[in-house]
Amino acid sequence: MLIYAYCLTNKEPNLNGAKELVSGLYLISEQGLYAVVSEEKEAEFDRENLEKNLSNLEWIKQRAVLHEKVIEQIMEQAVVIPFKFGTLFNNEQNLKAMLVEHGDEFKSDLDQLADKEEWGVKVYCDKEKLKQNLDIESGELKKIDEEINAASPGKAFILKKKKEIALDVVLNKTLNTYVQESFNQLGQHCQEGRLNRVLPREATGRDEDMILNAAYLVAKDKVAQFNQAADRLNSDGKEKGLSYDTSGPWPPYNFCLSRP
């Protein structure tokens, strides 16, 4: 049997709620740290079966969701450092050795994470709507429109191409400004912020383009203030084609300096 690890904490948690999700959960304790674990059959994670399972999106989804739910149950009681999905140890001794080797680092992280929560903000943009908005507001584009209206058909065609290029330049500049301003404004209400990789439409399932994917470490007594700031940005951005998707609290994957 292998040891499957979910998270660790410096406060002994009650596993009753989490055991409703995974009946075989138990604790491994070392150096004042508690790792929440279960046993898994080694055969399920050998090369052949692991390759088969990793090609099964439904298997990955079910197991990943279960992994997160167990961690969230523990988060209700204590500060946690989450293990990545699929973290395995050959035996309890190997896990304990890791806790001994990195114990001080884990305890430092747990102290830093105390009374804080990770929140995610993803910003999406309907670029066609934003383009329409920019076409109306941009002085540079208005000037090109005036030239088009006064030009001959041949020159007007060239000017329209020029406008398309200018519109793309204005669009990219505006998007960069919105991304930086959004990240900075939300950062005023948190302890720390992280920029993550922007996801393509295939991953988000949305028609709009993601332009910002950020994580924030927010003090618990500032969460309401943080969400209010995100709501204001969402309200102000609607006419421009922007929408803000706020979610949390999440396991603090983005703010663990010592990742198991």
C-alpha atoms as a PDB file:
ATOM      1  CA  MET A   1       0.000   0.000   0.000  1.00  0.00           C
ATOM      2  CA  LEU A   2       1.109   3.554  -0.743  1.00  0.00           C
ATOM      3  CA  ILE A   3       0.482   6.632   1.396  1.00  0.00           C
ATOM      4  CA  TYR A   4      -1.626   9.263  -0.385  1.00  0.00           C
ATOM      5  CA  ALA A   5      -1.200  12.735   1.163  1.00  0.00           C
ATOM      6  CA  TYR A   6      -3.824  15.509   1.148  1.00  0.00           C
ATOM      7  CA  CYS A   7      -2.467  18.272   3.380  1.00  0.00           C
ATOM      8  CA  LEU A   8      -0.603  19.014   6.559  1.00  0.00           C
ATOM      9  CA  THR A   9      -1.262  21.324   9.499  1.00  0.00           C
ATOM     10  CA  ASN A  10       0.165  22.182  12.898  1.00  0.00           C
ATOM     11  CA  LYS A  11      -3.097  21.589  14.750  1.00  0.00           C
ATOM     12  CA  GLU A  12      -4.543  18.101  15.190  1.00  0.00           C
ATOM     13  CA  PRO A  13      -7.772  18.131  13.155  1.00  0.00           C
ATOM     14  CA  ASN A  14     -10.963  16.161  13.689  1.00  0.00           C
ATOM     15  CA  LEU A  15     -11.322  13.874  10.663  1.00  0.00           C
ATOM     16  CA  ASN A  16     -14.963  12.887  11.151  1.00  0.00           C
ATOM     17  CA  GLY A  17     -16.328  15.181   8.436  1.00  0.00           C
ATOM     18  CA  ALA A  18     -13.559  14.363   5.972  1.00  0.00           C
ATOM     19  CA  LYS A  19     -14.026  10.629   6.574  1.00  0.00           C
ATOM     20  CA  GLU A  20     -17.475  10.942   5.019  1.00  0.00           C
ATOM     21  CA  LEU A  21     -15.570  11.643   1.794  1.00  0.00           C
ATOM     22  CA  VAL A  22     -12.708   9.149   2.271  1.00  0.00           C
ATOM     23  CA  SER A  23     -13.426   6.513   4.883  1.00  0.00           C
ATOM     24  CA  GLY A  24      -9.809   5.459   5.390  1.00  0.00           C
ATOM     25  CA  LEU A  25      -8.374   8.858   6.305  1.00  0.00           C
ATOM     26  CA  TYR A  26      -5.939   9.034   9.203  1.00  0.00           C
ATOM     27  CA  LEU A  27      -3.161  11.242  10.583  1.00  0.00           C
ATOM     28  CA  ILE A  28       0.604  10.839  10.515  1.00  0.00           C
ATOM     29  CA  SER A  29       2.236  13.069  13.118  1.00  0.00           C
ATOM     30  CA  GLU A  30       5.851  14.212  13.358  1.00  0.00           C
ATOM     31  CA  GLN A  31       7.625  17.337  14.655  1.00  0.00           C
ATOM     32  CA  GLY A  32       4.328  18.904  15.772  1.00  0.00           C
ATOM     33  CA  LEU A  33       2.902  18.569  12.258  1.00  0.00           C
ATOM     34  CA  TYR A  34      -0.075  16.467  11.201  1.00  0.00           C
ATOM     35  CA  ALA A  35      -0.363  15.033   7.694  1.00  0.00           C
ATOM     36  CA  VAL A  36      -3.829  13.950   6.530  1.00  0.00           C
ATOM     37  CA  VAL A  37      -3.426  10.753   4.511  1.00  0.00           C
ATOM     38  CA  SER A  38      -5.073   7.577   3.249  1.00  0.00           C
ATOM     39  CA  GLU A  39      -3.768   4.307   1.874  1.00  0.00           C
ATOM     40  CA  GLU A  40      -3.895   3.484  -1.825  1.00  0.00           C
ATOM     41  CA  LYS A  41      -3.219   0.230  -3.627  1.00  0.00           C
ATOM     42  CA  GLU A  42       0.170   0.348  -5.271  1.00  0.00           C
ATOM     43  CA  ALA A  43      -1.238  -1.388  -8.346  1.00  0.00           C
ATOM     44  CA  GLU A  44      -3.493   1.580  -9.116  1.00  0.00           C
ATOM     45  CA  PHE A  45      -0.443   3.801  -9.449  1.00  0.00           C
ATOM     46  CA  ASP A  46       1.939   1.526 -11.289  1.00  0.00           C
ATOM     47  CA  ARG A  47       3.078   2.671 -14.723  1.00  0.00           C
ATOM     48  CA  GLU A  48       0.397   0.840 -16.728  1.00  0.00           C
ATOM     49  CA  ASN A  49      -2.606   1.778 -14.575  1.00  0.00           C
ATOM     50  CA  LEU A  50      -1.410   5.334 -13.947  1.00  0.00           C
ATOM     51  CA  GLU A  51      -1.044   6.037 -17.666  1.00  0.00           C
ATOM     52  CA  LYS A  52      -4.532   4.646 -18.248  1.00  0.00           C
ATOM     53  CA  ASN A  53      -6.052   6.685 -15.422  1.00  0.00           C
ATOM     54  CA  LEU A  54      -4.328   9.897 -16.452  1.00  0.00           C
ATOM     55  CA  SER A  55      -5.847   9.552 -19.915  1.00  0.00           C
ATOM     56  CA  ASN A  56      -9.304   9.247 -18.337  1.00  0.00           C
ATOM     57  CA  LEU A  57     -10.537  12.805 -17.756  1.00  0.00           C
ATOM     58  CA  GLU A  58     -13.482  11.607 -15.672  1.00  0.00           C
ATOM     59  CA  TRP A  59     -11.148   9.703 -13.322  1.00  0.00           C
ATOM     60  CA  ILE A  60      -8.908  12.747 -12.948  1.00  0.00           C
ATOM     61  CA  LYS A  61     -11.887  15.033 -12.327  1.00  0.00           C
ATOM     62  CA  GLN A  62     -13.408  12.787  -9.666  1.00  0.00           C
ATOM     63  CA  ARG A  63     -10.130  12.232  -7.850  1.00  0.00           C
ATOM     64  CA  ALA A  64      -9.062  15.889  -8.038  1.00  0.00           C
ATOM     65  CA  VAL A  65     -12.419  17.115  -6.727  1.00  0.00           C
ATOM     66  CA  LEU A  66     -12.260  14.601  -3.878  1.00  0.00           C
ATOM     67  CA  HIS A  67      -8.707  15.735  -3.083  1.00  0.00           C
ATOM     68  CA  GLU A  68      -9.845  19.361  -2.844  1.00  0.00           C
ATOM     69  CA  LYS A  69     -12.928  18.573  -0.759  1.00  0.00           C
ATOM     70  CA  VAL A  70     -10.876  16.720   1.847  1.00  0.00           C
ATOM     71  CA  ILE A  71      -8.508  19.681   2.136  1.00  0.00           C
ATOM     72  CA  GLU A  72     -11.424  22.116   2.420  1.00  0.00           C
ATOM     73  CA  GLN A  73     -12.864  20.058   5.288  1.00  0.00           C
ATOM     74  CA  ILE A  74      -9.576  20.358   7.171  1.00  0.00           C
ATOM     75  CA  MET A  75      -9.346  24.082   6.329  1.00  0.00           C
ATOM     76  CA  GLU A  76     -12.507  24.670   8.339  1.00  0.00           C
ATOM     77  CA  GLN A  77     -10.585  23.725  11.473  1.00  0.00           C
ATOM     78  CA  ALA A  78      -6.967  24.687  10.875  1.00  0.00           C
ATOM     79  CA  VAL A  79      -4.427  26.394   8.641  1.00  0.00           C
ATOM     80  CA  VAL A  80      -3.201  23.948   6.010  1.00  0.00           C
ATOM     81  CA  ILE A  81      -0.412  23.449   3.530  1.00  0.00           C
ATOM     82  CA  PRO A  82      -2.019  21.494   0.683  1.00  0.00           C
ATOM     83  CA  PHE A  83      -0.255  18.632  -1.052  1.00  0.00           C
ATOM     84  CA  LYS A  84      -0.535  18.567  -4.831  1.00  0.00           C
ATOM     85  CA  PHE A  85      -3.063  16.149  -6.291  1.00  0.00           C
ATOM     86  CA  GLY A  86      -1.464  12.727  -6.636  1.00  0.00           C
ATOM     87  CA  THR A  87       1.233  13.135  -3.966  1.00  0.00           C
ATOM     88  CA  LEU A  88       2.313   9.654  -2.861  1.00  0.00           C
ATOM     89  CA  PHE A  89       4.851   8.210  -0.436  1.00  0.00           C
ATOM     90  CA  ASN A  90       6.112   4.631  -0.434  1.00  0.00           C
ATOM     91  CA  ASN A  91       5.523   4.324   3.302  1.00  0.00           C
ATOM     92  CA  GLU A  92       4.897   6.284   6.498  1.00  0.00           C
ATOM     93  CA  GLN A  93       8.606   6.453   7.282  1.00  0.00           C
ATOM     94  CA  ASN A  94       9.315   8.346   4.053  1.00  0.00           C
ATOM     95  CA  LEU A  95       6.604  10.890   4.826  1.00  0.00           C
ATOM     96  CA  LYS A  96       7.865  11.347   8.386  1.00  0.00           C
ATOM     97  CA  ALA A  97      11.385  11.852   7.102  1.00  0.00           C
ATOM     98  CA  MET A  98      10.130  14.616   4.814  1.00  0.00           C
ATOM     99  CA  LEU A  99       8.344  16.288   7.753  1.00  0.00           C
ATOM    100  CA  VAL A 100      11.547  16.150   9.797  1.00  0.00           C
ATOM    101  CA  GLU A 101      13.706  17.527   6.981  1.00  0.00           C
ATOM    102  CA  HIS A 102      11.388  20.432   6.118  1.00  0.00           C
ATOM    103  CA  GLY A 103       9.567  20.842   9.439  1.00  0.00           C
ATOM    104  CA  ASP A 104      10.851  24.347  10.197  1.00  0.00           C
ATOM    105  CA  GLU A 105       9.966  25.570   6.713  1.00  0.00           C
ATOM    106  CA  PHE A 106       6.441  24.133   6.933  1.00  0.00           C
ATOM    107  CA  LYS A 107       5.886  25.689  10.359  1.00  0.00           C
ATOM    108  CA  SER A 108       7.078  29.058   9.065  1.00  0.00           C
ATOM    109  CA  ASP A 109       4.624  28.834   6.153  1.00  0.00           C
ATOM    110  CA  LEU A 110       1.763  27.872   8.459  1.00  0.00           C
ATOM    111  CA  ASP A 111       2.525  30.870  10.675  1.00  0.00           C
ATOM    112  CA  GLN A 112       2.489  33.148   7.613  1.00  0.00           C
ATOM    113  CA  LEU A 113      -0.836  31.695   6.433  1.00  0.00           C
ATOM    114  CA  ALA A 114      -2.590  31.998   9.805  1.00  0.00           C
ATOM    115  CA  ASP A 115      -5.829  34.028   9.690  1.00  0.00           C
ATOM    116  CA  LYS A 116      -5.584  34.406   5.912  1.00  0.00           C
ATOM    117  CA  GLU A 117      -7.394  32.898   2.923  1.00  0.00           C
ATOM    118  CA  GLU A 118      -6.544  32.423  -0.741  1.00  0.00           C
ATOM    119  CA  TRP A 119      -9.009  33.954  -3.205  1.00  0.00           C
ATOM    120  CA  GLY A 120      -8.923  33.765  -6.972  1.00  0.00           C
ATOM    121  CA  VAL A 121      -9.962  36.420  -9.482  1.00  0.00           C
ATOM    122  CA  LYS A 122     -10.283  35.737 -13.186  1.00  0.00           C
ATOM    123  CA  VAL A 123     -11.088  38.600 -15.541  1.00  0.00           C
ATOM    124  CA  TYR A 124     -12.712  37.931 -18.914  1.00  0.00           C
ATOM    125  CA  CYS A 125     -13.133  40.285 -21.848  1.00  0.00           C
ATOM    126  CA  ASP A 126     -15.629  40.381 -24.699  1.00  0.00           C
ATOM    127  CA  LYS A 127     -13.142  41.894 -27.132  1.00  0.00           C
ATOM    128  CA  GLU A 128     -15.734  42.746 -29.785  1.00  0.00           C
ATOM    129  CA  LYS A 129     -17.729  44.749 -27.232  1.00  0.00           C
ATOM    130  CA  LEU A 130     -14.563  46.467 -26.044  1.00  0.00           C
ATOM    131  CA  LYS A 131     -13.592  47.262 -29.633  1.00  0.00           C
ATOM    132  CA  GLN A 132     -16.970  48.935 -30.191  1.00  0.00           C
ATOM    133  CA  ASN A 133     -16.446  50.941 -27.022  1.00  0.00           C
ATOM    134  CA  LEU A 134     -12.955  51.999 -28.087  1.00  0.00           C
ATOM    135  CA  ASP A 135     -14.153  52.875 -31.599  1.00  0.00           C
ATOM    136  CA  ILE A 136     -16.538  55.396 -30.045  1.00  0.00           C
ATOM    137  CA  GLU A 137     -14.163  56.840 -27.445  1.00  0.00           C
ATOM    138  CA  SER A 138     -10.736  56.890 -29.130  1.00  0.00           C
ATOM    139  CA  GLY A 139      -9.713  60.278 -30.525  1.00  0.00           C
ATOM    140  CA  GLU A 140      -7.150  58.608 -32.793  1.00  0.00           C
ATOM    141  CA  LEU A 141      -9.791  56.347 -34.367  1.00  0.00           C
ATOM    142  CA  LYS A 142     -12.241  59.231 -34.768  1.00  0.00           C
ATOM    143  CA  LYS A 143      -9.604  61.101 -36.715  1.00  0.00           C
ATOM    144  CA  ILE A 144      -9.126  58.158 -39.087  1.00  0.00           C
ATOM    145  CA  ASP A 145     -12.926  57.939 -39.551  1.00  0.00           C
ATOM    146  CA  GLU A 146     -12.951  61.600 -40.598  1.00  0.00           C
ATOM    147  CA  GLU A 147     -10.207  60.909 -43.135  1.00  0.00           C
ATOM    148  CA  ILE A 148     -12.139  57.901 -44.471  1.00  0.00           C
ATOM    149  CA  ASN A 149     -15.292  59.960 -44.946  1.00  0.00           C
ATOM    150  CA  ALA A 150     -13.380  62.613 -46.929  1.00  0.00           C
ATOM    151  CA  ALA A 151     -11.283  60.182 -48.988  1.00  0.00           C
ATOM    152  CA  SER A 152     -11.746  58.623 -52.409  1.00  0.00           C
ATOM    153  CA  PRO A 153     -12.896  54.962 -52.505  1.00  0.00           C
ATOM    154  CA  GLY A 154      -9.363  53.684 -53.130  1.00  0.00           C
ATOM    155  CA  LYS A 155      -7.820  55.716 -50.331  1.00  0.00           C
ATOM    156  CA  ALA A 156     -10.738  54.933 -48.018  1.00  0.00           C
ATOM    157  CA  PHE A 157     -10.010  51.224 -48.412  1.00  0.00           C
ATOM    158  CA  ILE A 158      -6.396  51.779 -47.332  1.00  0.00           C
ATOM    159  CA  LEU A 159      -7.491  53.973 -44.433  1.00  0.00           C
ATOM    160  CA  LYS A 160      -9.902  51.297 -43.211  1.00  0.00           C
ATOM    161  CA  LYS A 161      -7.028  48.805 -43.095  1.00  0.00           C
ATOM    162  CA  LYS A 162      -5.019  51.415 -41.198  1.00  0.00           C
ATOM    163  CA  LYS A 163      -7.905  51.783 -38.761  1.00  0.00           C
ATOM    164  CA  GLU A 164      -8.055  48.020 -38.160  1.00  0.00           C
ATOM    165  CA  ILE A 165      -4.375  47.987 -37.246  1.00  0.00           C
ATOM    166  CA  ALA A 166      -4.754  51.079 -35.052  1.00  0.00           C
ATOM    167  CA  LEU A 167      -7.765  49.531 -33.314  1.00  0.00           C
ATOM    168  CA  ASP A 168      -5.786  46.393 -32.488  1.00  0.00           C
ATOM    169  CA  VAL A 169      -2.973  48.535 -31.055  1.00  0.00           C
ATOM    170  CA  VAL A 170      -5.406  50.539 -28.920  1.00  0.00           C
ATOM    171  CA  LEU A 171      -7.146  47.326 -27.847  1.00  0.00           C
ATOM    172  CA  ASN A 172      -3.934  45.648 -26.653  1.00  0.00           C
ATOM    173  CA  LYS A 173      -2.778  48.791 -24.872  1.00  0.00           C
ATOM    174  CA  THR A 174      -6.149  49.150 -23.175  1.00  0.00           C
ATOM    175  CA  LEU A 175      -6.222  45.492 -22.120  1.00  0.00           C
ATOM    176  CA  ASN A 176      -2.753  45.794 -20.586  1.00  0.00           C
ATOM    177  CA  THR A 177      -3.926  48.853 -18.658  1.00  0.00           C
ATOM    178  CA  TYR A 178      -7.075  47.086 -17.406  1.00  0.00           C
ATOM    179  CA  VAL A 179      -5.064  44.040 -16.309  1.00  0.00           C
ATOM    180  CA  GLN A 180      -2.492  46.094 -14.390  1.00  0.00           C
ATOM    181  CA  GLU A 181      -5.097  48.384 -12.814  1.00  0.00           C
ATOM    182  CA  SER A 182      -7.302  45.457 -11.785  1.00  0.00           C
ATOM    183  CA  PHE A 183      -4.408  43.541 -10.257  1.00  0.00           C
ATOM    184  CA  ASN A 184      -3.175  46.616  -8.377  1.00  0.00           C
ATOM    185  CA  GLN A 185      -6.580  47.740  -7.108  1.00  0.00           C
ATOM    186  CA  LEU A 186      -7.410  44.310  -5.699  1.00  0.00           C
ATOM    187  CA  GLY A 187      -3.876  44.107  -4.298  1.00  0.00           C
ATOM    188  CA  GLN A 188      -4.682  47.048  -2.030  1.00  0.00           C
ATOM    189  CA  HIS A 189      -7.032  44.780  -0.057  1.00  0.00           C
ATOM    190  CA  CYS A 190      -4.772  41.771   0.443  1.00  0.00           C
ATOM    191  CA  GLN A 191      -1.468  40.651   1.938  1.00  0.00           C
ATOM    192  CA  GLU A 192      -0.012  39.350  -1.310  1.00  0.00           C
ATOM    193  CA  GLY A 193      -0.956  38.722  -4.935  1.00  0.00           C
ATOM    194  CA  ARG A 194       0.204  36.248  -7.588  1.00  0.00           C
ATOM    195  CA  LEU A 195      -0.227  36.270 -11.361  1.00  0.00           C
ATOM    196  CA  ASN A 196      -1.006  32.863 -12.865  1.00  0.00           C
ATOM    197  CA  ARG A 197      -1.081  31.657 -16.452  1.00  0.00           C
ATOM    198  CA  VAL A 198      -4.023  32.955 -18.478  1.00  0.00           C
ATOM    199  CA  LEU A 199      -6.134  30.026 -19.688  1.00  0.00           C
ATOM    200  CA  PRO A 200      -7.457  29.559 -23.244  1.00  0.00           C
ATOM    201  CA  ARG A 201     -11.146  29.324 -24.082  1.00  0.00           C
ATOM    202  CA  GLU A 202     -10.866  25.545 -24.412  1.00  0.00           C
ATOM    203  CA  ALA A 203      -9.989  25.328 -20.721  1.00  0.00           C
ATOM    204  CA  THR A 204     -12.488  27.901 -19.425  1.00  0.00           C
ATOM    205  CA  GLY A 205     -15.482  26.894 -21.561  1.00  0.00           C
ATOM    206  CA  ARG A 206     -16.354  30.564 -22.026  1.00  0.00           C
ATOM    207  CA  ASP A 207     -16.836  32.659 -25.158  1.00  0.00           C
ATOM    208  CA  GLU A 208     -14.868  35.601 -23.732  1.00  0.00           C
ATOM    209  CA  ASP A 209     -11.081  35.691 -23.521  1.00  0.00           C
ATOM    210  CA  MET A 210      -9.432  35.469 -20.103  1.00  0.00           C
ATOM    211  CA  ILE A 211      -7.119  38.444 -19.629  1.00  0.00           C
ATOM    212  CA  LEU A 212      -6.188  38.034 -15.949  1.00  0.00           C
ATOM    213  CA  ASN A 213      -5.796  34.992 -13.715  1.00  0.00           C
ATOM    214  CA  ALA A 214      -4.690  36.061 -10.250  1.00  0.00           C
ATOM    215  CA  ALA A 215      -4.551  34.663  -6.732  1.00  0.00           C
ATOM    216  CA  TYR A 216      -4.608  36.785  -3.577  1.00  0.00           C
ATOM    217  CA  LEU A 217      -3.783  36.046   0.035  1.00  0.00           C
ATOM    218  CA  VAL A 218      -6.407  37.950   2.016  1.00  0.00           C
ATOM    219  CA  ALA A 219      -6.651  38.485   5.762  1.00  0.00           C
ATOM    220  CA  LYS A 220      -9.896  36.931   6.987  1.00  0.00           C
ATOM    221  CA  ASP A 221     -11.111  40.235   8.416  1.00  0.00           C
ATOM    222  CA  LYS A 222     -10.545  41.874   4.993  1.00  0.00           C
ATOM    223  CA  VAL A 223     -12.353  39.300   2.828  1.00  0.00           C
ATOM    224  CA  ALA A 224     -15.622  41.268   2.682  1.00  0.00           C
ATOM    225  CA  GLN A 225     -13.705  44.396   1.685  1.00  0.00           C
ATOM    226  CA  PHE A 226     -11.787  42.453  -0.972  1.00  0.00           C
ATOM    227  CA  ASN A 227     -14.970  41.011  -2.497  1.00  0.00           C
ATOM    228  CA  GLN A 228     -16.651  44.421  -2.480  1.00  0.00           C
ATOM    229  CA  ALA A 229     -13.709  45.833  -4.445  1.00  0.00           C
ATOM    230  CA  ALA A 230     -14.019  42.987  -6.980  1.00  0.00           C
ATOM    231  CA  ASP A 231     -17.770  43.607  -7.271  1.00  0.00           C
ATOM    232  CA  ARG A 232     -17.157  47.301  -7.985  1.00  0.00           C
ATOM    233  CA  LEU A 233     -14.665  46.452 -10.709  1.00  0.00           C
ATOM    234  CA  ASN A 234     -17.146  44.001 -12.216  1.00  0.00           C
ATOM    235  CA  SER A 235     -19.935  46.587 -12.190  1.00  0.00           C
ATOM    236  CA  ASP A 236     -17.728  49.323 -13.690  1.00  0.00           C
ATOM    237  CA  GLY A 237     -16.365  46.984 -16.357  1.00  0.00           C
ATOM    238  CA  LYS A 238     -19.620  45.605 -17.778  1.00  0.00           C
ATOM    239  CA  GLU A 239     -20.107  48.345 -20.362  1.00  0.00           C
ATOM    240  CA  LYS A 240     -16.532  47.812 -21.528  1.00  0.00           C
ATOM    241  CA  GLY A 241     -17.051  44.074 -22.012  1.00  0.00           C
ATOM    242  CA  LEU A 242     -15.239  43.040 -18.814  1.00  0.00           C
ATOM    243  CA  SER A 243     -16.429  40.513 -16.244  1.00  0.00           C
ATOM    244  CA  TYR A 244     -14.772  39.528 -12.956  1.00  0.00           C
ATOM    245  CA  ASP A 245     -15.108  35.993 -11.589  1.00  0.00           C
ATOM    246  CA  THR A 246     -14.160  35.834  -7.879  1.00  0.00           C
ATOM    247  CA  SER A 247     -13.879  32.504  -6.068  1.00  0.00           C
ATOM    248  CA  GLY A 248     -12.648  31.174  -2.735  1.00  0.00           C
ATOM    249  CA  PRO A 249     -11.498  30.490  -0.185  1.00  0.00           C
ATOM    250  CA  TRP A 250      -9.131  27.962  -1.760  1.00  0.00           C
ATOM    251  CA  PRO A 251      -6.311  25.858  -0.336  1.00  0.00           C
ATOM    252  CA  PRO A 252      -3.292  28.219  -0.396  1.00  0.00           C
ATOM    253  CA  TYR A 253      -1.367  26.504  -3.204  1.00  0.00           C
ATOM    254  CA  ASN A 254      -0.069  29.832  -4.507  1.00  0.00           C
ATOM    255  CA  PHE A 255       1.365  31.047  -1.205  1.00  0.00           C
ATOM    256  CA  CYS A 256       3.212  28.058   0.220  1.00  0.00           C
ATOM    257  CA  LEU A 257       6.914  28.756  -0.089  1.00  0.00           C
ATOM    258  CA  SER A 258       7.691  25.202   1.022  1.00  0.00           C
ATOM    259  CA  ARG A 259       5.513  23.100  -1.257  1.00  0.00           C
ATOM    260  CA  PRO A 260       5.290  19.423  -0.310  1.00  0.00           C
END
